[in-house]
Protein backbone atom coordinates (compact mmCIF):
# COMPACT_ATOMS: atom_id res chain seq x y z
CA MET A 1 103.75 103.82 81.01
CA LEU A 2 103.91 100.74 84.16
CA HIS A 3 107.33 102.31 83.87
CA SER A 4 106.27 106.48 84.01
CA PRO A 5 108.13 108.46 86.87
CA ALA A 6 104.19 109.71 87.71
CA TRP A 7 102.63 107.10 90.77
CA PRO A 8 99.21 108.45 88.41
CA ALA A 9 100.77 107.37 85.27
CA ARG A 10 101.42 104.08 86.57
CA LYS A 11 98.04 103.43 88.16
CA GLY A 12 96.41 103.63 84.68
CA ALA A 13 98.65 101.39 83.24
CA ALA A 14 98.16 98.90 85.74
CA TRP A 15 94.78 99.07 85.98
CA ALA A 16 94.71 99.15 82.12
CA ILE A 17 96.28 96.24 81.84
CA LEU A 18 94.01 93.89 84.81
CA ALA A 19 91.25 95.06 83.16
CA MET A 20 92.43 93.66 79.74
CA PRO A 21 89.96 90.26 78.58
CA GLY A 22 91.88 87.12 79.33
CA GLY A 23 94.01 89.15 82.73
CA ALA A 24 97.33 90.74 82.13
CA PRO A 25 99.58 89.32 79.39
CA PRO A 26 102.25 86.39 82.12
CA GLU A 27 105.43 88.39 81.07
CA LEU A 28 103.34 91.74 83.11
CA LEU A 29 102.73 89.97 86.36
CA PRO A 30 106.27 90.84 87.88
CA VAL A 31 106.12 94.32 86.90
CA LEU A 32 102.72 94.32 88.18
CA ARG A 33 103.55 92.96 91.15
CA GLY A 34 106.10 95.53 91.68
CA LEU A 35 103.55 98.19 92.51
CA LEU A 36 102.67 96.92 95.53
CA GLU A 37 106.31 97.59 96.96
CA ASP A 38 106.36 101.22 94.85
CA ALA A 39 107.28 103.56 97.75
CA ARG A 40 108.78 106.14 95.96
CA GLY A 41 106.56 108.25 97.84
CA GLU A 42 104.21 108.28 100.78
CA GLU A 43 101.54 109.98 98.80
CA ASN A 44 101.10 107.32 96.96
CA TRP A 45 99.50 104.60 99.92
CA PRO A 46 96.30 104.34 99.19
CA ASP A 47 97.47 103.71 95.36
CA ARG A 48 99.50 101.09 96.61
CA LEU A 49 96.39 99.28 98.94
CA GLU A 50 93.98 99.82 96.19
CA ALA A 51 96.63 97.58 94.18
CA ALA A 52 96.96 95.26 97.63
CA ALA A 53 93.23 94.84 97.88
CA LEU A 54 93.14 93.71 94.06
CA LEU A 55 96.02 91.27 94.75
CA ILE A 56 95.17 90.14 98.39
CA ASN A 57 93.23 86.66 97.34
CA ASP A 58 95.66 86.32 94.08
CA ARG A 59 95.78 82.21 93.12
CA ASP A 60 99.11 82.72 93.46
CA ALA A 61 100.34 81.86 96.97
CA SER A 62 103.44 84.56 96.85
CA VAL A 63 101.21 87.30 95.62
CA SER A 64 98.36 86.90 98.78
CA ARG A 65 101.12 87.08 101.04
CA GLN A 66 103.16 90.34 98.73
CA ALA A 67 99.41 91.84 99.12
CA ILE A 68 98.84 91.35 102.59
CA ALA A 69 102.46 92.53 103.93
CA VAL A 70 102.22 95.95 101.66
CA THR A 71 98.59 95.94 104.01
CA LEU A 72 100.01 95.18 106.96
CA GLU A 73 102.14 98.04 106.79
CA GLY A 74 100.01 100.31 105.41
CA LEU A 75 98.02 99.08 108.95
CA GLU A 76 100.94 101.24 110.91
CA TYR A 77 101.20 103.93 108.66
CA ALA A 78 102.01 107.00 110.72
CA THR A 79 101.72 105.89 114.06
CA LEU A 80 105.67 106.20 115.09
CA PRO A 81 105.56 109.46 117.11
CA TRP A 82 107.78 111.45 114.52
CA TYR A 83 104.89 111.49 112.11
CA ASP A 84 102.77 114.39 111.87
CA LEU A 85 99.99 113.23 109.67
CA PRO A 86 96.80 112.83 111.49
CA ARG A 87 94.54 112.87 108.96
CA SER A 88 96.33 110.95 106.07
CA GLY A 89 97.93 108.72 107.98
CA SER A 90 94.51 107.70 109.28
CA GLU A 91 92.91 107.23 106.01
CA VAL A 92 95.90 105.52 105.42
CA ARG A 93 95.57 103.13 107.80
CA ALA A 94 91.54 102.52 108.16
CA GLN A 95 91.47 102.32 104.59
CA ALA A 96 94.62 98.85 105.02
CA ALA A 97 91.84 97.53 108.27
CA LEU A 98 89.16 97.92 105.38
CA VAL A 99 91.31 96.40 102.45
CA LEU A 100 91.81 93.06 104.93
CA GLY A 101 88.71 93.17 105.35
CA THR A 102 88.87 91.02 101.93
CA LEU A 103 90.46 88.76 102.55
CA GLU A 104 89.36 85.14 102.09
CA PRO A 105 88.53 83.86 105.08
CA ASP A 106 90.56 80.04 104.83
CA TYR A 107 91.68 80.31 108.59
CA ARG A 108 92.81 82.78 111.42
CA ASN A 109 96.18 84.47 111.19
CA ASP A 110 97.30 85.13 113.92
CA ASP A 111 99.74 88.01 113.06
CA ILE A 112 97.00 89.63 111.18
CA PHE A 113 94.52 89.29 114.37
CA ALA A 114 96.94 90.80 117.16
CA ARG A 115 97.80 94.50 114.34
CA LEU A 116 94.00 94.86 113.79
CA THR A 117 93.14 94.25 117.68
CA ARG A 118 96.64 97.66 117.99
CA ARG A 119 94.15 99.20 115.53
CA LEU A 120 91.26 99.43 118.59
CA ARG A 121 93.47 101.95 120.29
CA ASP A 122 93.90 104.19 117.43
CA ASP A 123 93.61 107.70 118.32
CA ASN A 124 91.07 108.14 115.16
CA GLU A 125 87.44 106.74 115.63
CA ASP A 126 87.71 105.53 111.42
CA VAL A 127 90.37 103.26 111.82
CA ARG A 128 89.06 101.81 115.14
CA ASP A 129 85.95 101.31 113.95
CA ALA A 130 87.42 99.49 110.69
CA ALA A 131 89.82 97.56 112.54
CA TYR A 132 86.38 96.17 114.82
CA THR A 133 84.55 95.23 111.69
CA THR A 134 87.53 93.72 109.81
CA LEU A 135 88.39 91.52 112.93
CA LEU A 136 84.72 90.24 113.33
CA LEU A 137 85.04 89.26 109.56
CA HIS A 138 88.77 87.11 110.78
CA ALA A 139 87.18 85.94 114.19
CA VAL A 140 84.49 83.87 112.38
CA SER A 141 87.70 82.64 110.55
CA PRO A 142 88.38 78.75 111.38
CA GLU A 143 91.87 77.78 113.17
CA ALA A 144 94.97 77.13 111.14
CA GLU A 145 96.07 73.57 110.91
CA SER A 146 98.37 72.58 113.22
CA SER A 147 101.32 71.23 111.44
């Protein structure tokens, strides 16, 4: 089912596998991570962001970075002039901002902070509210240590 052409079937299989006692079998982890980048349809953004929310604080730093990248992409969804998705676009952006709010605040990421700040000028009030709420969480995070 993880390879089904239908997104709901892939999503259901992923949820079932992630809920297994002891977690997902190691051999399925690459397939589950691949669902983050599954862009076969614009309508699956909410589901991609749900997957990102599950993996954003993963112990594997590369998985966490991938989830953050997908979420940041969602934060910019439907902002270009040729998109005409006022409702669904703003819902995706608000969801992405809220997912970033679940990121464990180990340190302040300037890129995430800047992107959330840009969403404060979003046309949609819900997006602005979600970005503001998440910015407050990230503002209290410690600054990254310089090397």
